[in-house]
PDB file of N, CA and C in Angstrom:
ATOM      1  N   MET A   1     223.089  18.287 236.773  1.00  0.00           N
ATOM      2  CA  MET A   1     222.708  17.017 237.388  1.00  0.00           C
ATOM      3  C   MET A   1     221.890  17.321 238.650  1.00  0.00           C
ATOM      4  N   VAL A   2     221.051  16.419 239.019  1.00  0.00           N
ATOM      5  CA  VAL A   2     220.190  16.560 240.190  1.00  0.00           C
ATOM      6  C   VAL A   2     221.065  16.515 241.439  1.00  0.00           C
ATOM      7  N   THR A   3     220.801  17.411 242.394  1.00  0.00           N
ATOM      8  CA  THR A   3     221.725  17.573 243.511  1.00  0.00           C
ATOM      9  C   THR A   3     221.192  17.212 244.879  1.00  0.00           C
ATOM     10  N   HIS A   4     219.892  17.019 245.033  1.00  0.00           N
ATOM     11  CA  HIS A   4     219.404  16.700 246.370  1.00  0.00           C
ATOM     12  C   HIS A   4     218.189  15.779 246.277  1.00  0.00           C
ATOM     13  N   SER A   5     217.831  15.191 247.387  1.00  0.00           N
ATOM     14  CA  SER A   5     216.771  14.176 247.421  1.00  0.00           C
ATOM     15  C   SER A   5     215.436  14.695 246.901  1.00  0.00           C
ATOM     16  N   GLY A   6     215.074  15.914 247.266  1.00  0.00           N
ATOM     17  CA  GLY A   6     213.807  16.472 246.806  1.00  0.00           C
ATOM     18  C   GLY A   6     213.756  16.577 245.293  1.00  0.00           C
ATOM     19  N   MET A   7     214.831  17.057 244.696  1.00  0.00           N
ATOM     20  CA  MET A   7     214.877  17.191 243.240  1.00  0.00           C
ATOM     21  C   MET A   7     214.914  15.813 242.574  1.00  0.00           C
ATOM     22  N   ARG A   8     215.637  14.887 243.144  1.00  0.00           N
ATOM     23  CA  ARG A   8     215.652  13.518 242.588  1.00  0.00           C
ATOM     24  C   ARG A   8     214.254  12.926 242.594  1.00  0.00           C
ATOM     25  N   SER A   9     213.497  13.183 243.650  1.00  0.00           N
ATOM     26  CA  SER A   9     212.128  12.687 243.753  1.00  0.00           C
ATOM     27  C   SER A   9     211.242  13.299 242.661  1.00  0.00           C
ATOM     28  N   ILE A  10     211.377  14.590 242.426  1.00  0.00           N
ATOM     29  CA  ILE A  10     210.592  15.267 241.387  1.00  0.00           C
ATOM     30  C   ILE A  10     210.937  14.694 240.013  1.00  0.00           C
ATOM     31  N   VAL A  11     212.223  14.536 239.728  1.00  0.00           N
ATOM     32  CA  VAL A  11     212.658  13.982 238.437  1.00  0.00           C
ATOM     33  C   VAL A  11     212.113  12.570 238.257  1.00  0.00           C
ATOM     34  N   ARG A  12     212.165  11.789 239.301  1.00  0.00           N
ATOM     35  CA  ARG A  12     211.657  10.411 239.231  1.00  0.00           C
ATOM     36  C   ARG A  12     210.162  10.411 238.920  1.00  0.00           C
ATOM     37  N   GLU A  13     209.400  11.276 239.587  1.00  0.00           N
ATOM     38  CA  GLU A  13     207.954  11.319 239.375  1.00  0.00           C
ATOM     39  C   GLU A  13     207.592  11.832 237.987  1.00  0.00           C
ATOM     40  N   LEU A  14     208.324  12.843 237.511  1.00  0.00           N
ATOM     41  CA  LEU A  14     208.034  13.405 236.197  1.00  0.00           C
ATOM     42  C   LEU A  14     208.630  12.591 235.060  1.00  0.00           C
ATOM     43  N   GLY A  15     209.667  11.819 235.381  1.00  0.00           N
ATOM     44  CA  GLY A  15     210.339  11.022 234.353  1.00  0.00           C
ATOM     45  C   GLY A  15     211.190  11.873 233.432  1.00  0.00           C
ATOM     46  N   SER A  16     211.588  13.061 233.875  1.00  0.00           N
ATOM     47  CA  SER A  16     212.356  13.969 233.038  1.00  0.00           C
ATOM     48  C   SER A  16     213.066  15.000 233.907  1.00  0.00           C
ATOM     49  N   VAL A  17     214.173  15.523 233.380  1.00  0.00           N
ATOM     50  CA  VAL A  17     214.856  16.643 234.037  1.00  0.00           C
ATOM     51  C   VAL A  17     214.493  17.955 233.355  1.00  0.00           C
ATOM     52  N   PHE A  18     213.633  17.878 232.358  1.00  0.00           N
ATOM     53  CA  PHE A  18     213.272  19.057 231.576  1.00  0.00           C
ATOM     54  C   PHE A  18     211.942  19.624 232.054  1.00  0.00           C
ATOM     55  N   PHE A  19     212.017  20.550 233.015  1.00  0.00           N
ATOM     56  CA  PHE A  19     210.848  21.246 233.530  1.00  0.00           C
ATOM     57  C   PHE A  19     211.316  22.569 234.117  1.00  0.00           C
ATOM     58  N   PRO A  20     210.438  23.583 234.124  1.00  0.00           N
ATOM     59  CA  PRO A  20     210.865  24.878 234.673  1.00  0.00           C
ATOM     60  C   PRO A  20     211.099  24.777 236.173  1.00  0.00           C
ATOM     61  N   ARG A  21     212.095  25.515 236.630  1.00  0.00           N
ATOM     62  CA  ARG A  21     212.441  25.494 238.054  1.00  0.00           C
ATOM     63  C   ARG A  21     212.566  26.913 238.578  1.00  0.00           C
ATOM     64  N   ILE A  22     212.171  27.094 239.784  1.00  0.00           N
ATOM     65  CA  ILE A  22     212.387  28.363 240.471  1.00  0.00           C
ATOM     66  C   ILE A  22     213.412  28.078 241.562  1.00  0.00           C
ATOM     67  N   ARG A  23     214.579  28.671 241.420  1.00  0.00           N
ATOM     68  CA  ARG A  23     215.676  28.421 242.348  1.00  0.00           C
ATOM     69  C   ARG A  23     215.413  29.150 243.664  1.00  0.00           C
ATOM     70  N   VAL A  24     215.555  28.433 244.760  1.00  0.00           N
ATOM     71  CA  VAL A  24     215.432  29.021 246.087  1.00  0.00           C
ATOM     72  C   VAL A  24     216.636  28.559 246.891  1.00  0.00           C
ATOM     73  N   GLY A  25     217.499  29.494 247.262  1.00  0.00           N
ATOM     74  CA  GLY A  25     218.692  29.153 248.027  1.00  0.00           C
ATOM     75  C   GLY A  25     218.374  28.948 249.497  1.00  0.00           C
ATOM     76  N   ILE A  26     219.246  28.237 250.187  1.00  0.00           N
ATOM     77  CA  ILE A  26     219.014  27.973 251.610  1.00  0.00           C
ATOM     78  C   ILE A  26     219.920  28.797 252.508  1.00  0.00           C
ATOM     79  N   GLY A  27     220.847  29.533 251.935  1.00  0.00           N
ATOM     80  CA  GLY A  27     221.765  30.328 252.746  1.00  0.00           C
ATOM     81  C   GLY A  27     222.895  29.476 253.289  1.00  0.00           C
ATOM     82  N   PRO A  28     223.837  30.074 253.962  1.00  0.00           N
ATOM     83  CA  PRO A  28     224.953  29.297 254.510  1.00  0.00           C
ATOM     84  C   PRO A  28     224.476  28.398 255.651  1.00  0.00           C
ATOM     85  N   LEU A  29     225.017  27.201 255.687  1.00  0.00           N
ATOM     86  CA  LEU A  29     224.681  26.263 256.769  1.00  0.00           C
ATOM     87  C   LEU A  29     225.374  26.688 258.065  1.00  0.00           C
ATOM     88  N   PRO A  30     224.659  26.657 259.172  1.00  0.00           N
ATOM     89  CA  PRO A  30     225.327  26.888 260.459  1.00  0.00           C
ATOM     90  C   PRO A  30     226.363  25.782 260.687  1.00  0.00           C
ATOM     91  N   PRO A  31     227.439  26.111 261.386  1.00  0.00           N
ATOM     92  CA  PRO A  31     228.478  25.108 261.629  1.00  0.00           C
ATOM     93  C   PRO A  31     227.908  23.846 262.292  1.00  0.00           C
ATOM     94  N   ALA A  32     228.411  22.717 261.850  1.00  0.00           N
ATOM     95  CA  ALA A  32     228.085  21.408 262.431  1.00  0.00           C
ATOM     96  C   ALA A  32     226.610  21.036 262.312  1.00  0.00           C
ATOM     97  N   LEU A  33     225.905  21.595 261.316  1.00  0.00           N
ATOM     98  CA  LEU A  33     224.503  21.243 261.122  1.00  0.00           C
ATOM     99  C   LEU A  33     224.348  20.601 259.755  1.00  0.00           C
ATOM    100  N   ASP A  34     223.706  19.459 259.714  1.00  0.00           N
ATOM    101  CA  ASP A  34     223.450  18.735 258.482  1.00  0.00           C
ATOM    102  C   ASP A  34     222.466  19.524 257.611  1.00  0.00           C
ATOM    103  N   ALA A  35     222.677  19.530 256.298  1.00  0.00           N
ATOM    104  CA  ALA A  35     221.814  20.285 255.381  1.00  0.00           C
ATOM    105  C   ALA A  35     220.357  19.854 255.495  1.00  0.00           C
ATOM    106  N   THR A  36     220.105  18.558 255.614  1.00  0.00           N
ATOM    107  CA  THR A  36     218.728  18.069 255.729  1.00  0.00           C
ATOM    108  C   THR A  36     218.058  18.608 256.981  1.00  0.00           C
ATOM    109  N   ASP A  37     218.760  18.552 258.101  1.00  0.00           N
ATOM    110  CA  ASP A  37     218.204  19.081 259.349  1.00  0.00           C
ATOM    111  C   ASP A  37     217.952  20.584 259.234  1.00  0.00           C
ATOM    112  N   PHE A  38     218.857  21.280 258.551  1.00  0.00           N
ATOM    113  CA  PHE A  38     218.732  22.731 258.398  1.00  0.00           C
ATOM    114  C   PHE A  38     217.488  23.092 257.593  1.00  0.00           C
ATOM    115  N   VAL A  39     217.284  22.452 256.431  1.00  0.00           N
ATOM    116  CA  VAL A  39     216.155  22.833 255.579  1.00  0.00           C
ATOM    117  C   VAL A  39     214.817  22.381 256.151  1.00  0.00           C
ATOM    118  N   LEU A  40     214.817  21.400 257.030  1.00  0.00           N
ATOM    119  CA  LEU A  40     213.570  20.925 257.619  1.00  0.00           C
ATOM    120  C   LEU A  40     213.251  21.595 258.953  1.00  0.00           C
ATOM    121  N   SER A  41     214.150  22.447 259.433  1.00  0.00           N
ATOM    122  CA  SER A  41     213.913  23.121 260.710  1.00  0.00           C
ATOM    123  C   SER A  41     213.093  24.393 260.505  1.00  0.00           C
ATOM    124  N   SER A  42     212.567  24.929 261.587  1.00  0.00           N
ATOM    125  CA  SER A  42     211.801  26.179 261.539  1.00  0.00           C
ATOM    126  C   SER A  42     212.728  27.354 261.255  1.00  0.00           C
ATOM    127  N   PHE A  43     212.146  28.422 260.722  1.00  0.00           N
ATOM    128  CA  PHE A  43     212.915  29.629 260.455  1.00  0.00           C
ATOM    129  C   PHE A  43     213.150  30.378 261.759  1.00  0.00           C
ATOM    130  N   PHE A  44     214.344  30.982 261.881  1.00  0.00           N
ATOM    131  CA  PHE A  44     214.632  31.883 262.986  1.00  0.00           C
ATOM    132  C   PHE A  44     213.944  33.212 262.684  1.00  0.00           C
ATOM    133  N   ASP A  45     213.621  33.983 263.711  1.00  0.00           N
ATOM    134  CA  ASP A  45     212.951  35.268 263.525  1.00  0.00           C
ATOM    135  C   ASP A  45     213.700  36.165 262.540  1.00  0.00           C
ATOM    136  N   GLU A  46     215.032  36.202 262.647  1.00  0.00           N
ATOM    137  CA  GLU A  46     215.825  37.081 261.781  1.00  0.00           C
ATOM    138  C   GLU A  46     215.830  36.606 260.321  1.00  0.00           C
ATOM    139  N   GLU A  47     215.420  35.385 260.067  1.00  0.00           N
ATOM    140  CA  GLU A  47     215.363  34.862 258.701  1.00  0.00           C
ATOM    141  C   GLU A  47     214.014  35.135 258.019  1.00  0.00           C
ATOM    142  N   LYS A  48     213.020  35.494 258.778  1.00  0.00           N
ATOM    143  CA  LYS A  48     211.670  35.618 258.230  1.00  0.00           C
ATOM    144  C   LYS A  48     211.547  36.734 257.196  1.00  0.00           C
ATOM    145  N   SER A  49     212.273  37.842 257.351  1.00  0.00           N
ATOM    146  CA  SER A  49     212.206  38.898 256.334  1.00  0.00           C
ATOM    147  C   SER A  49     212.852  38.427 255.033  1.00  0.00           C
ATOM    148  N   LEU A  50     213.921  37.647 255.142  1.00  0.00           N
ATOM    149  CA  LEU A  50     214.544  37.071 253.947  1.00  0.00           C
ATOM    150  C   LEU A  50     213.583  36.107 253.263  1.00  0.00           C
ATOM    151  N   LEU A  51     212.854  35.345 254.054  1.00  0.00           N
ATOM    152  CA  LEU A  51     211.863  34.417 253.516  1.00  0.00           C
ATOM    153  C   LEU A  51     210.798  35.175 252.730  1.00  0.00           C
ATOM    154  N   GLU A  52     210.294  36.270 253.299  1.00  0.00           N
ATOM    155  CA  GLU A  52     209.274  37.065 252.616  1.00  0.00           C
ATOM    156  C   GLU A  52     209.786  37.594 251.280  1.00  0.00           C
ATOM    157  N   LYS A  53     211.014  38.098 251.257  1.00  0.00           N
ATOM    158  CA  LYS A  53     211.598  38.598 250.007  1.00  0.00           C
ATOM    159  C   LYS A  53     211.747  37.466 248.992  1.00  0.00           C
ATOM    160  N   GLY A  54     212.209  36.321 249.451  1.00  0.00           N
ATOM    161  CA  GLY A  54     212.382  35.177 248.560  1.00  0.00           C
ATOM    162  C   GLY A  54     211.066  34.680 247.996  1.00  0.00           C
ATOM    163  N   LEU A  55     210.038  34.639 248.834  1.00  0.00           N
ATOM    164  CA  LEU A  55     208.718  34.203 248.359  1.00  0.00           C
ATOM    165  C   LEU A  55     208.137  35.194 247.363  1.00  0.00           C
ATOM    166  N   SER A  56     208.394  36.467 247.568  1.00  0.00           N
ATOM    167  CA  SER A  56     207.920  37.485 246.628  1.00  0.00           C
ATOM    168  C   SER A  56     208.586  37.306 245.266  1.00  0.00           C
ATOM    169  N   LYS A  57     209.901  37.070 245.274  1.00  0.00           N
ATOM    170  CA  LYS A  57     210.611  36.829 244.019  1.00  0.00           C
ATOM    171  C   LYS A  57     210.111  35.554 243.346  1.00  0.00           C
ATOM    172  N   ALA A  58     209.862  34.507 244.126  1.00  0.00           N
ATOM    173  CA  ALA A  58     209.352  33.250 243.565  1.00  0.00           C
ATOM    174  C   ALA A  58     207.974  33.456 242.944  1.00  0.00           C
ATOM    175  N   GLN A  59     207.144  34.274 243.585  1.00  0.00           N
ATOM    176  CA  GLN A  59     205.817  34.558 243.037  1.00  0.00           C
ATOM    177  C   GLN A  59     205.931  35.308 241.714  1.00  0.00           C
ATOM    178  N   ASN A  60     206.845  36.274 241.643  1.00  0.00           N
ATOM    179  CA  ASN A  60     207.055  37.002 240.394  1.00  0.00           C
ATOM    180  C   ASN A  60     207.527  36.062 239.288  1.00  0.00           C
ATOM    181  N   ALA A  61     208.427  35.144 239.632  1.00  0.00           N
ATOM    182  CA  ALA A  61     208.907  34.168 238.647  1.00  0.00           C
ATOM    183  C   ALA A  61     207.760  33.270 238.188  1.00  0.00           C
ATOM    184  N   LEU A  62     206.937  32.827 239.118  1.00  0.00           N
ATOM    185  CA  LEU A  62     205.807  31.978 238.775  1.00  0.00           C
ATOM    186  C   LEU A  62     204.823  32.710 237.863  1.00  0.00           C
ATOM    187  N   ASP A  63     204.594  33.977 238.117  1.00  0.00           N
ATOM    188  CA  ASP A  63     203.706  34.760 237.247  1.00  0.00           C
ATOM    189  C   ASP A  63     204.217  34.751 235.809  1.00  0.00           C
ATOM    190  N   LEU A  64     205.533  34.934 235.625  1.00  0.00           N
ATOM    191  CA  LEU A  64     206.100  34.885 234.279  1.00  0.00           C
ATOM    192  C   LEU A  64     205.942  33.502 233.662  1.00  0.00           C
ATOM    193  N   ILE A  65     206.195  32.464 234.465  1.00  0.00           N
ATOM    194  CA  ILE A  65     206.059  31.092 233.964  1.00  0.00           C
ATOM    195  C   ILE A  65     204.629  30.840 233.503  1.00  0.00           C
ATOM    196  N   LEU A  66     203.658  31.275 234.284  1.00  0.00           N
ATOM    197  CA  LEU A  66     202.256  31.073 233.926  1.00  0.00           C
ATOM    198  C   LEU A  66     201.856  31.891 232.699  1.00  0.00           C
ATOM    199  N   ASP A  67     202.594  32.973 232.427  1.00  0.00           N
ATOM    200  CA  ASP A  67     202.378  33.767 231.212  1.00  0.00           C
ATOM    201  C   ASP A  67     203.169  33.205 230.031  1.00  0.00           C
ATOM    202  N   GLU A  68     203.689  31.984 230.224  1.00  0.00           N
ATOM    203  CA  GLU A  68     204.462  31.266 229.194  1.00  0.00           C
ATOM    204  C   GLU A  68     205.756  31.976 228.839  1.00  0.00           C
ATOM    205  N   GLU A  69     206.348  32.622 229.823  1.00  0.00           N
ATOM    206  CA  GLU A  69     207.655  33.252 229.645  1.00  0.00           C
ATOM    207  C   GLU A  69     208.662  32.554 230.555  1.00  0.00           C
ATOM    208  N   ILE A  70     208.741  31.237 230.392  1.00  0.00           N
ATOM    209  CA  ILE A  70     209.566  30.400 231.258  1.00  0.00           C
ATOM    210  C   ILE A  70     211.033  30.789 231.184  1.00  0.00           C
ATOM    211  N   GLU A  71     211.552  30.925 229.978  1.00  0.00           N
ATOM    212  CA  GLU A  71     212.976  31.249 229.837  1.00  0.00           C
ATOM    213  C   GLU A  71     213.291  32.602 230.468  1.00  0.00           C
ATOM    214  N   SER A  72     212.421  33.578 230.278  1.00  0.00           N
ATOM    215  CA  SER A  72     212.617  34.895 230.901  1.00  0.00           C
ATOM    216  C   SER A  72     212.626  34.779 232.421  1.00  0.00           C
ATOM    217  N   ALA A  73     211.691  34.013 232.955  1.00  0.00           N
ATOM    218  CA  ALA A  73     211.618  33.835 234.411  1.00  0.00           C
ATOM    219  C   ALA A  73     212.888  33.195 234.945  1.00  0.00           C
ATOM    220  N   MET A  74     213.343  32.145 234.293  1.00  0.00           N
ATOM    221  CA  MET A  74     214.542  31.458 234.768  1.00  0.00           C
ATOM    222  C   MET A  74     215.772  32.354 234.650  1.00  0.00           C
ATOM    223  N   ASN A  75     215.893  33.096 233.539  1.00  0.00           N
ATOM    224  CA  ASN A  75     217.047  33.992 233.365  1.00  0.00           C
ATOM    225  C   ASN A  75     217.031  35.132 234.366  1.00  0.00           C
ATOM    226  N   LEU A  76     215.861  35.655 234.658  1.00  0.00           N
ATOM    227  CA  LEU A  76     215.749  36.802 235.548  1.00  0.00           C
ATOM    228  C   LEU A  76     215.868  36.421 237.022  1.00  0.00           C
ATOM    229  N   TYR A  77     215.246  35.312 237.421  1.00  0.00           N
ATOM    230  CA  TYR A  77     215.137  34.993 238.851  1.00  0.00           C
ATOM    231  C   TYR A  77     216.032  33.866 239.348  1.00  0.00           C
ATOM    232  N   ASN A  78     216.615  33.079 238.462  1.00  0.00           N
ATOM    233  CA  ASN A  78     217.454  31.971 238.916  1.00  0.00           C
ATOM    234  C   ASN A  78     218.922  32.350 239.009  1.00  0.00           C
ATOM    235  N   GLN A  79     219.201  33.610 239.192  1.00  0.00           N
ATOM    236  CA  GLN A  79     220.569  34.065 239.341  1.00  0.00           C
ATOM    237  C   GLN A  79     220.773  34.624 240.733  1.00  0.00           C
ATOM    238  N   ARG A  80     221.891  34.312 241.306  1.00  0.00           N
ATOM    239  CA  ARG A  80     222.243  34.834 242.626  1.00  0.00           C
ATOM    240  C   ARG A  80     222.623  36.299 242.493  1.00  0.00           C
ATOM    241  N   THR A  81     222.127  37.129 243.375  1.00  0.00           N
ATOM    242  CA  THR A  81     222.497  38.540 243.399  1.00  0.00           C
ATOM    243  C   THR A  81     223.411  38.765 244.596  1.00  0.00           C
ATOM    244  N   PRO A  82     224.149  39.870 244.603  1.00  0.00           N
ATOM    245  CA  PRO A  82     225.057  40.112 245.741  1.00  0.00           C
ATOM    246  C   PRO A  82     224.348  40.106 247.096  1.00  0.00           C
ATOM    247  N   SER A  83     223.067  40.434 247.142  1.00  0.00           N
ATOM    248  CA  SER A  83     222.351  40.465 248.427  1.00  0.00           C
ATOM    249  C   SER A  83     221.779  39.108 248.811  1.00  0.00           C
ATOM    250  N   ASP A  84     221.806  38.120 247.890  1.00  0.00           N
ATOM    251  CA  ASP A  84     221.285  36.795 248.190  1.00  0.00           C
ATOM    252  C   ASP A  84     222.255  36.032 249.066  1.00  0.00           C
ATOM    253  N   PRO A  85     221.716  35.241 250.010  1.00  0.00           N
ATOM    254  CA  PRO A  85     222.599  34.367 250.781  1.00  0.00           C
ATOM    255  C   PRO A  85     223.133  33.264 249.885  1.00  0.00           C
ATOM    256  N   GLU A  86     224.260  32.724 250.252  1.00  0.00           N
ATOM    257  CA  GLU A  86     224.816  31.599 249.502  1.00  0.00           C
ATOM    258  C   GLU A  86     223.901  30.401 249.663  1.00  0.00           C
ATOM    259  N   SER A  87     223.953  29.514 248.679  1.00  0.00           N
ATOM    260  CA  SER A  87     223.172  28.281 248.769  1.00  0.00           C
ATOM    261  C   SER A  87     224.031  27.101 248.407  1.00  0.00           C
TER     262      SER A  87
END
């Protein structure tokens, strides 16, 4: 099921829940901070290397999707690894 406003907006515009997705986690929320405020805020310096790694993985997933290997991309990249932050 759709879990957040951004995804609900995409589903509404596309008229379907059936489309390829590249999962991007947001990491653990700082105490007493609303999720919306957290995802819309600027990155801290210490988070920027994680951002670069995440964007690199997203680019690799997109390359597979564009090569029409959507299922492979989703199976390979939409899984949390032990080094990934929680989302």
